[in-house]
């Protein structure tokens, strides 16, 4: 009798799960899309050159002249399920006008990558009052492979 009661309960639970199957499939598809989006936002170590080229392209699109892009040492961090990622600061030296700098920062903000500006220094240049020397530090995160 006890076994029969447990089996009836298992059958009812299975019937409920079967009724929700379409809903669960839609939910799973939504999670898969989110995962794909997050994977593009968090580059792996091997994608660093492409990330830097992407920053250069954003600068060109905003008419910002890049003088130097320098990845700086970051610190390793551990996320869920032991996946290790690294906080990676990137220092950018550039020359541009104030409005071009704003366009470049907008491009960074709209990027598909996790990036934020953590430091910025703007200096005027007496020889060219409409152009400024800009030093900024971006912070992004890189997924470390093989760790």
Protein backbone atom coordinates (compact mmCIF):
# COMPACT_ATOMS: atom_id res chain seq x y z
CA UNK A 1 0.00 0.00 0.00
CA UNK A 2 2.85 2.35 0.86
CA UNK A 3 4.57 1.52 -2.44
CA UNK A 4 1.34 2.12 -4.37
CA UNK A 5 0.88 5.55 -2.76
CA UNK A 6 4.46 6.53 -3.62
CA UNK A 7 3.99 5.41 -7.25
CA UNK A 8 0.72 7.40 -7.57
CA UNK A 9 2.54 10.47 -6.25
CA UNK A 10 5.39 9.96 -8.74
CA UNK A 11 2.89 9.59 -11.61
CA UNK A 12 1.12 12.84 -10.59
CA UNK A 13 4.46 14.68 -10.45
CA UNK A 14 5.37 13.32 -13.90
CA UNK A 15 2.01 14.41 -15.33
CA UNK A 16 2.57 17.94 -13.98
CA UNK A 17 6.08 18.04 -15.51
CA UNK A 18 4.75 16.81 -18.87
CA UNK A 19 2.05 19.51 -18.83
CA UNK A 20 4.76 22.14 -18.23
CA UNK A 21 7.14 20.78 -20.87
CA UNK A 22 6.52 23.53 -23.46
CA UNK A 23 6.92 26.22 -20.83
CA UNK A 24 10.15 24.65 -19.60
CA UNK A 25 11.52 24.43 -23.17
CA UNK A 26 10.81 28.16 -23.71
CA UNK A 27 12.48 28.98 -20.40
CA UNK A 28 15.52 26.90 -21.34
CA UNK A 29 15.79 28.66 -24.72
CA UNK A 30 15.71 32.03 -22.95
CA UNK A 31 18.51 30.96 -20.63
CA UNK A 32 20.55 29.70 -23.59
CA UNK A 33 20.24 33.11 -25.26
CA UNK A 34 21.37 34.84 -22.06
CA UNK A 35 24.37 32.55 -21.76
CA UNK A 36 25.40 33.26 -25.36
CA UNK A 37 25.09 37.01 -24.76
CA UNK A 38 27.20 36.81 -21.60
CA UNK A 39 29.85 34.71 -23.34
CA UNK A 40 30.31 37.49 -25.92
CA UNK A 41 30.56 40.05 -23.11
CA UNK A 42 33.33 38.16 -21.30
CA UNK A 43 36.18 37.42 -23.71
CA UNK A 44 38.64 34.59 -23.16
CA UNK A 45 42.40 35.22 -22.93
CA UNK A 46 42.96 34.41 -26.60
CA UNK A 47 40.54 37.18 -27.66
CA UNK A 48 42.53 40.03 -26.08
CA UNK A 49 44.06 41.18 -29.42
CA UNK A 50 40.55 41.30 -30.94
CA UNK A 51 39.32 43.25 -27.91
CA UNK A 52 42.11 45.81 -28.34
CA UNK A 53 41.42 46.08 -32.08
CA UNK A 54 37.75 46.62 -31.25
CA UNK A 55 38.69 49.50 -28.95
CA UNK A 56 40.84 51.01 -31.71
CA UNK A 57 37.93 50.70 -34.15
CA UNK A 58 35.60 52.43 -31.67
CA UNK A 59 38.13 55.25 -31.35
CA UNK A 60 38.47 55.61 -35.14
CA UNK A 61 34.68 55.72 -35.49
CA UNK A 62 34.62 58.63 -33.03
CA UNK A 63 37.57 60.45 -34.70
CA UNK A 64 39.79 59.82 -31.66
CA UNK A 65 43.50 59.37 -32.41
CA UNK A 66 44.89 56.56 -30.29
CA UNK A 67 48.48 57.14 -29.22
CA UNK A 68 48.79 53.90 -27.21
CA UNK A 69 46.66 51.04 -25.86
CA UNK A 70 48.35 49.14 -23.06
CA UNK A 71 46.83 46.15 -21.24
CA UNK A 72 47.95 46.31 -17.62
CA UNK A 73 48.36 43.46 -15.14
CA UNK A 74 45.13 42.55 -13.45
CA UNK A 75 44.10 40.32 -10.61
CA UNK A 76 42.60 36.85 -10.89
CA UNK A 77 39.17 36.32 -9.40
CA UNK A 78 37.07 33.21 -8.94
CA UNK A 79 33.45 33.11 -9.95
CA UNK A 80 30.78 30.46 -9.68
CA UNK A 81 31.65 26.83 -10.38
CA UNK A 82 35.38 27.56 -10.12
CA UNK A 83 35.54 29.53 -13.38
CA UNK A 84 38.42 31.89 -13.02
CA UNK A 85 38.42 35.27 -14.66
CA UNK A 86 40.79 38.17 -14.53
CA UNK A 87 40.10 41.82 -14.01
CA UNK A 88 42.04 43.50 -16.83
CA UNK A 89 42.74 47.23 -16.82
CA UNK A 90 43.56 48.77 -20.20
CA UNK A 91 45.29 52.15 -20.36
CA UNK A 92 44.52 54.27 -23.41
CA UNK A 93 46.41 57.40 -24.42
CA UNK A 94 44.65 59.47 -27.05
CA UNK A 95 44.34 62.89 -28.63
CA UNK A 96 40.92 64.27 -29.49
CA UNK A 97 38.41 67.02 -29.02
CA UNK A 98 35.92 67.02 -26.19
CA UNK A 99 32.96 65.93 -28.38
CA UNK A 100 34.98 63.14 -30.02
CA UNK A 101 35.90 61.88 -26.55
CA UNK A 102 32.21 61.84 -25.65
CA UNK A 103 31.43 59.82 -28.79
CA UNK A 104 34.22 57.35 -27.94
CA UNK A 105 32.93 56.92 -24.38
CA UNK A 106 29.45 56.34 -25.79
CA UNK A 107 30.86 53.64 -28.09
CA UNK A 108 32.50 51.96 -25.08
CA UNK A 109 29.24 52.18 -23.14
CA UNK A 110 27.31 50.53 -25.98
CA UNK A 111 29.88 47.80 -26.51
CA UNK A 112 28.97 44.13 -26.25
CA UNK A 113 31.80 43.65 -23.74
CA UNK A 114 31.79 44.29 -20.02
CA UNK A 115 33.86 47.51 -19.84
CA UNK A 116 33.84 50.60 -17.70
CA UNK A 117 36.00 53.69 -17.44
CA UNK A 118 37.62 53.78 -14.00
CA UNK A 119 39.99 56.74 -14.47
CA UNK A 120 40.25 59.62 -16.90
CA UNK A 121 42.61 62.57 -17.20
CA UNK A 122 42.13 65.30 -19.81
CA UNK A 123 44.81 67.93 -20.46
CA UNK A 124 44.57 70.81 -22.85
CA UNK A 125 47.33 71.44 -25.38
CA UNK A 126 48.31 75.07 -25.93
CA UNK A 127 49.41 74.38 -29.51
CA UNK A 128 45.97 73.02 -30.42
CA UNK A 129 43.19 74.33 -28.14
CA UNK A 130 40.51 72.12 -29.73
CA UNK A 131 42.48 68.92 -29.14
CA UNK A 132 43.22 67.40 -25.74
CA UNK A 133 45.61 64.78 -24.47
CA UNK A 134 43.49 62.10 -22.84
CA UNK A 135 44.60 59.28 -20.57
CA UNK A 136 41.95 56.83 -19.51
CA UNK A 137 41.85 53.44 -17.86
CA UNK A 138 39.16 50.94 -18.82
CA UNK A 139 38.38 47.91 -16.76
CA UNK A 140 37.20 44.72 -18.42
CA UNK A 141 37.13 41.07 -17.44
CA UNK A 142 38.74 38.14 -19.22
CA UNK A 143 37.87 34.49 -18.74
CA UNK A 144 41.05 32.50 -18.09
CA UNK A 145 41.22 29.22 -19.97
CA UNK A 146 42.84 26.12 -18.63
CA UNK A 147 42.57 27.18 -14.99
